[in-house]
C-alpha atoms as a PDB file:
ATOM      1  CA  MET A   1      10.688  99.205 -52.386  1.00  0.00           C
ATOM      2  CA  SER A   2       8.068  97.183 -53.261  1.00  0.00           C
ATOM      3  CA  GLY A   3       5.143  98.715 -55.708  1.00  0.00           C
ATOM      4  CA  LEU A   4       2.880  99.602 -53.323  1.00  0.00           C
ATOM      5  CA  VAL A   5       5.438 101.647 -51.020  1.00  0.00           C
ATOM      6  CA  ARG A   6       6.223 103.215 -54.432  1.00  0.00           C
ATOM      7  CA  ALA A   7       2.761 104.152 -55.361  1.00  0.00           C
ATOM      8  CA  ALA A   8       2.132 105.422 -51.810  1.00  0.00           C
ATOM      9  CA  TRP A   9       5.187 107.721 -52.047  1.00  0.00           C
ATOM     10  CA  ARG A  10       3.961 108.739 -55.644  1.00  0.00           C
ATOM     11  CA  LEU A  11       0.451 109.668 -53.580  1.00  0.00           C
ATOM     12  CA  GLY A  12       2.294 111.712 -50.833  1.00  0.00           C
ATOM     13  CA  ALA A  13       4.567 113.350 -53.078  1.00  0.00           C
ATOM     14  CA  ALA A  14       1.307 114.519 -55.045  1.00  0.00           C
ATOM     15  CA  ALA A  15      -0.270 115.407 -51.846  1.00  0.00           C
ATOM     16  CA  ALA A  16       2.614 117.776 -51.210  1.00  0.00           C
ATOM     17  CA  ARG A  17       2.291 119.393 -54.632  1.00  0.00           C
ATOM     18  CA  GLY A  18      -1.634 120.145 -53.589  1.00  0.00           C
ATOM     19  CA  ARG A  19      -3.143 117.144 -55.564  1.00  0.00           C
ATOM     20  CA  ALA A  20      -4.041 115.161 -53.158  1.00  0.00           C
ATOM     21  CA  GLY A  21      -7.274 112.833 -53.260  1.00  0.00           C
ATOM     22  CA  ARG A  22     -10.377 112.448 -50.525  1.00  0.00           C
ATOM     23  CA  ALA A  23     -10.068 113.384 -46.921  1.00  0.00           C
ATOM     24  CA  LEU A  24      -9.807 111.562 -43.858  1.00  0.00           C
ATOM     25  CA  SER A  25     -12.606 109.959 -42.143  1.00  0.00           C
ATOM     26  CA  ASN A  26     -15.343 112.020 -39.579  1.00  0.00           C
ATOM     27  CA  ALA A  27     -13.300 110.597 -37.052  1.00  0.00           C
ATOM     28  CA  ALA A  28      -9.972 112.973 -37.739  1.00  0.00           C
ATOM     29  CA  ALA A  29     -12.147 115.404 -38.750  1.00  0.00           C
ATOM     30  CA  GLY A  30     -13.986 115.508 -35.387  1.00  0.00           C
ATOM     31  CA  GLY A  31     -12.544 117.221 -31.874  1.00  0.00           C
ATOM     32  CA  ALA A  32     -11.221 120.633 -31.768  1.00  0.00           C
ATOM     33  CA  GLU A  33     -10.848 121.704 -35.074  1.00  0.00           C
ATOM     34  CA  SER A  34     -11.258 125.286 -34.223  1.00  0.00           C
ATOM     35  CA  GLY A  35      -8.510 124.855 -31.640  1.00  0.00           C
ATOM     36  CA  GLY A  36      -9.983 127.989 -30.011  1.00  0.00           C
ATOM     37  CA  ALA A  37     -12.631 126.123 -27.705  1.00  0.00           C
ATOM     38  CA  GLU A  38      -9.669 124.505 -25.379  1.00  0.00           C
ATOM     39  CA  GLY A  39      -7.455 127.790 -25.191  1.00  0.00           C
ATOM     40  CA  GLY A  40     -10.133 130.266 -23.646  1.00  0.00           C
ATOM     41  CA  SER A  41      -9.678 129.435 -20.272  1.00  0.00           C
ATOM     42  CA  GLY A  42      -6.905 129.793 -17.279  1.00  0.00           C
ATOM     43  CA  GLY A  43      -3.657 130.915 -18.563  1.00  0.00           C
ATOM     44  CA  GLY A  44      -4.927 133.623 -21.532  1.00  0.00           C
ATOM     45  CA  GLY A  45      -6.355 133.337 -24.815  1.00  0.00           C
ATOM     46  CA  SER A  46      -6.346 130.924 -27.367  1.00  0.00           C
ATOM     47  CA  GLY A  47      -2.802 131.905 -28.389  1.00  0.00           C
ATOM     48  CA  SER A  48      -1.391 132.281 -25.085  1.00  0.00           C
ATOM     49  CA  ARG A  49       1.683 129.771 -24.504  1.00  0.00           C
ATOM     50  CA  GLU A  50      -0.233 127.847 -21.716  1.00  0.00           C
ATOM     51  CA  ALA A  51      -3.430 127.859 -23.757  1.00  0.00           C
ATOM     52  CA  VAL A  52      -1.105 126.456 -27.033  1.00  0.00           C
ATOM     53  CA  GLU A  53       0.522 123.785 -24.456  1.00  0.00           C
ATOM     54  CA  ARG A  54      -2.685 122.787 -23.675  1.00  0.00           C
ATOM     55  CA  LEU A  55      -3.788 121.718 -27.447  1.00  0.00           C
ATOM     56  CA  VAL A  56      -0.598 120.180 -28.098  1.00  0.00           C
ATOM     57  CA  ARG A  57      -0.032 117.992 -25.183  1.00  0.00           C
ATOM     58  CA  ALA A  58      -4.007 117.114 -25.539  1.00  0.00           C
ATOM     59  CA  HIS A  59      -3.469 114.078 -27.770  1.00  0.00           C
ATOM     60  CA  PRO A  60      -0.462 111.895 -29.230  1.00  0.00           C
ATOM     61  CA  VAL A  61      -0.954 113.079 -32.629  1.00  0.00           C
ATOM     62  CA  VAL A  62      -2.048 117.091 -33.283  1.00  0.00           C
ATOM     63  CA  VAL A  63      -2.085 119.199 -36.317  1.00  0.00           C
ATOM     64  CA  PHE A  64      -2.256 122.893 -36.796  1.00  0.00           C
ATOM     65  CA  MET A  65      -3.924 123.637 -40.110  1.00  0.00           C
ATOM     66  CA  LYS A  66      -5.526 125.707 -42.331  1.00  0.00           C
ATOM     67  CA  GLY A  67      -9.104 124.456 -42.909  1.00  0.00           C
ATOM     68  CA  SER A  68     -10.140 121.076 -41.222  1.00  0.00           C
ATOM     69  CA  PRO A  69      -9.704 117.112 -42.359  1.00  0.00           C
ATOM     70  CA  ALA A  70     -12.516 117.053 -44.232  1.00  0.00           C
ATOM     71  CA  GLN A  71     -11.757 120.288 -45.957  1.00  0.00           C
ATOM     72  CA  PRO A  72      -8.057 121.361 -46.228  1.00  0.00           C
ATOM     73  CA  LEU A  73      -7.508 124.888 -47.300  1.00  0.00           C
ATOM     74  CA  CYS A  74      -4.117 125.214 -48.425  1.00  0.00           C
ATOM     75  CA  GLY A  75      -1.738 122.283 -50.175  1.00  0.00           C
ATOM     76  CA  PHE A  76       0.053 122.038 -47.869  1.00  0.00           C
ATOM     77  CA  SER A  77      -2.276 121.118 -45.146  1.00  0.00           C
ATOM     78  CA  ASN A  78      -4.096 118.919 -47.705  1.00  0.00           C
ATOM     79  CA  ALA A  79      -0.390 117.261 -47.948  1.00  0.00           C
ATOM     80  CA  VAL A  80      -0.357 116.683 -44.281  1.00  0.00           C
ATOM     81  CA  VAL A  81      -3.738 115.221 -44.267  1.00  0.00           C
ATOM     82  CA  GLN A  82      -3.023 112.945 -46.895  1.00  0.00           C
ATOM     83  CA  ILE A  83       0.391 111.402 -45.654  1.00  0.00           C
ATOM     84  CA  LEU A  84      -1.738 110.720 -42.354  1.00  0.00           C
ATOM     85  CA  ARG A  85      -4.218 109.164 -43.811  1.00  0.00           C
ATOM     86  CA  LEU A  86      -1.526 107.017 -46.111  1.00  0.00           C
ATOM     87  CA  HIS A  87      -0.315 105.683 -42.751  1.00  0.00           C
ATOM     88  CA  GLY A  88      -4.105 105.154 -41.119  1.00  0.00           C
ATOM     89  CA  VAL A  89      -3.633 107.495 -38.716  1.00  0.00           C
ATOM     90  CA  GLU A  90      -7.322 108.873 -38.528  1.00  0.00           C
ATOM     91  CA  ASP A  91      -7.357 109.196 -34.800  1.00  0.00           C
ATOM     92  CA  TYR A  92      -5.632 112.906 -34.250  1.00  0.00           C
ATOM     93  CA  ARG A  93      -6.528 116.157 -32.840  1.00  0.00           C
ATOM     94  CA  ALA A  94      -6.833 119.167 -35.791  1.00  0.00           C
ATOM     95  CA  HIS A  95      -7.081 122.721 -35.140  1.00  0.00           C
ATOM     96  CA  ASP A  96      -8.058 125.511 -37.649  1.00  0.00           C
ATOM     97  CA  VAL A  97      -5.940 128.286 -37.428  1.00  0.00           C
ATOM     98  CA  LEU A  98      -8.091 130.331 -39.599  1.00  0.00           C
ATOM     99  CA  GLN A  99     -10.549 130.419 -37.222  1.00  0.00           C
ATOM    100  CA  ASP A 100      -8.260 131.949 -34.344  1.00  0.00           C
ATOM    101  CA  PRO A 101      -6.080 134.628 -35.330  1.00  0.00           C
ATOM    102  CA  ASP A 102      -4.372 134.204 -31.623  1.00  0.00           C
ATOM    103  CA  LEU A 103      -3.935 131.011 -32.412  1.00  0.00           C
ATOM    104  CA  ARG A 104      -2.419 131.159 -35.548  1.00  0.00           C
ATOM    105  CA  GLN A 105       0.394 133.460 -33.932  1.00  0.00           C
ATOM    106  CA  GLY A 106       0.423 131.485 -30.918  1.00  0.00           C
ATOM    107  CA  ILE A 107       1.493 128.125 -32.162  1.00  0.00           C
ATOM    108  CA  LYS A 108       4.422 130.023 -34.798  1.00  0.00           C
ATOM    109  CA  ASP A 109       5.584 131.727 -31.602  1.00  0.00           C
ATOM    110  CA  TYR A 110       5.181 128.524 -29.535  1.00  0.00           C
ATOM    111  CA  SER A 111       7.277 126.261 -32.297  1.00  0.00           C
ATOM    112  CA  ASN A 112       9.476 129.279 -33.239  1.00  0.00           C
ATOM    113  CA  TRP A 113       8.600 128.112 -36.655  1.00  0.00           C
ATOM    114  CA  PRO A 114       6.953 130.411 -38.914  1.00  0.00           C
ATOM    115  CA  THR A 115       4.319 128.481 -41.284  1.00  0.00           C
ATOM    116  CA  ILE A 116       1.891 126.399 -41.168  1.00  0.00           C
ATOM    117  CA  PRO A 117       0.578 123.364 -40.876  1.00  0.00           C
ATOM    118  CA  GLN A 118       2.589 122.145 -37.920  1.00  0.00           C
ATOM    119  CA  VAL A 119       2.272 118.600 -36.913  1.00  0.00           C
ATOM    120  CA  TYR A 120       3.010 117.372 -33.294  1.00  0.00           C
ATOM    121  CA  LEU A 121       3.539 113.683 -32.064  1.00  0.00           C
ATOM    122  CA  ASN A 122       3.568 113.043 -28.202  1.00  0.00           C
ATOM    123  CA  GLY A 123       3.800 116.897 -27.650  1.00  0.00           C
ATOM    124  CA  GLU A 124       6.970 117.550 -29.441  1.00  0.00           C
ATOM    125  CA  PHE A 125       7.067 119.556 -32.575  1.00  0.00           C
ATOM    126  CA  VAL A 126       7.751 117.453 -35.543  1.00  0.00           C
ATOM    127  CA  GLY A 127       7.871 120.184 -38.365  1.00  0.00           C
ATOM    128  CA  GLY A 128       5.383 120.983 -41.255  1.00  0.00           C
ATOM    129  CA  CYS A 129       4.438 119.313 -44.644  1.00  0.00           C
ATOM    130  CA  ASP A 130       8.347 119.188 -45.737  1.00  0.00           C
ATOM    131  CA  ILE A 131       9.444 117.559 -42.927  1.00  0.00           C
ATOM    132  CA  LEU A 132       6.496 115.078 -42.870  1.00  0.00           C
ATOM    133  CA  LEU A 133       6.713 114.544 -46.769  1.00  0.00           C
ATOM    134  CA  GLN A 134      10.389 113.660 -45.727  1.00  0.00           C
ATOM    135  CA  MET A 135       9.796 111.168 -42.883  1.00  0.00           C
ATOM    136  CA  HIS A 136       6.824 109.513 -45.095  1.00  0.00           C
ATOM    137  CA  GLN A 137       9.480 108.837 -48.012  1.00  0.00           C
ATOM    138  CA  ASN A 138      12.288 107.768 -45.948  1.00  0.00           C
ATOM    139  CA  GLY A 139      10.624 105.774 -43.297  1.00  0.00           C
ATOM    140  CA  ASP A 140      11.326 107.904 -40.205  1.00  0.00           C
ATOM    141  CA  LEU A 141       7.320 108.472 -39.673  1.00  0.00           C
ATOM    142  CA  VAL A 142       6.370 104.584 -39.482  1.00  0.00           C
ATOM    143  CA  GLU A 143       9.085 104.507 -36.627  1.00  0.00           C
ATOM    144  CA  GLU A 144       7.818 107.537 -35.087  1.00  0.00           C
ATOM    145  CA  LEU A 145       4.194 106.594 -35.371  1.00  0.00           C
ATOM    146  CA  LYS A 146       5.218 103.069 -33.567  1.00  0.00           C
ATOM    147  CA  LYS A 147       6.555 104.675 -30.856  1.00  0.00           C
ATOM    148  CA  LEU A 148       3.259 106.086 -30.433  1.00  0.00           C
ATOM    149  CA  GLY A 149       1.913 102.738 -30.325  1.00  0.00           C
ATOM    150  CA  ILE A 150       0.247 103.380 -34.217  1.00  0.00           C
ATOM    151  CA  ARG A 151       0.861 100.607 -36.514  1.00  0.00           C
ATOM    152  CA  SER A 152       1.401 102.370 -39.768  1.00  0.00           C
ATOM    153  CA  ALA A 153      -1.132 101.183 -42.438  1.00  0.00           C
ATOM    154  CA  LEU A 154       1.685 101.352 -45.353  1.00  0.00           C
ATOM    155  CA  LEU A 155       3.225  98.125 -43.054  1.00  0.00           C
ATOM    156  CA  ASP A 156       0.261  96.465 -43.513  1.00  0.00           C
ATOM    157  CA  ALA A 157      -0.398  96.949 -47.292  1.00  0.00           C
ATOM    158  CA  GLU A 158       3.452  96.280 -47.751  1.00  0.00           C
ATOM    159  CA  LYS A 159       2.600  93.145 -46.233  1.00  0.00           C
ATOM    160  CA  ASP A 160      -0.367  92.306 -48.208  1.00  0.00           C
ATOM    161  CA  GLN A 161       1.491  93.323 -51.439  1.00  0.00           C
ATOM    162  CA  ASP A 162       4.341  90.581 -50.818  1.00  0.00           C
ATOM    163  CA  LYS A 163       1.676  87.877 -50.450  1.00  0.00           C
ATOM    164  CA  LYS A 164       0.480  88.546 -54.199  1.00  0.00           C
END
């Protein structure tokens, strides 16, 4: 494992312990952070299965978290944001479940997963912070992002490091 990848892994591990650095760009912070704005029409309230499914499928990368990418309000949500940042994933939808109690319960019911944050790739539930961290550490996240047409920034960083 190259020194840069090792350093990125350490940063990811630090993020999981709630000591991560700066937030993502405004591109990640934009979009429907509250989650409730898109879920109110048609199939019931923001926490209905139909509303949650629309949110999950609205973008290739979707995160349900506490707070926003610019200001995560729990260490686990912060860790997810930092892991995505390490991989250069800035274009994703983040939904703040603290702004909408119906969405908060609805996403838990939808995934049958009791905790927040929750990460979805291409409409499929991946897991929470622990699963994303594990995928980051073992390289699976790079492969999953590649399936979405997203090249992990860690690949470019490792290639640059090898040139030195």
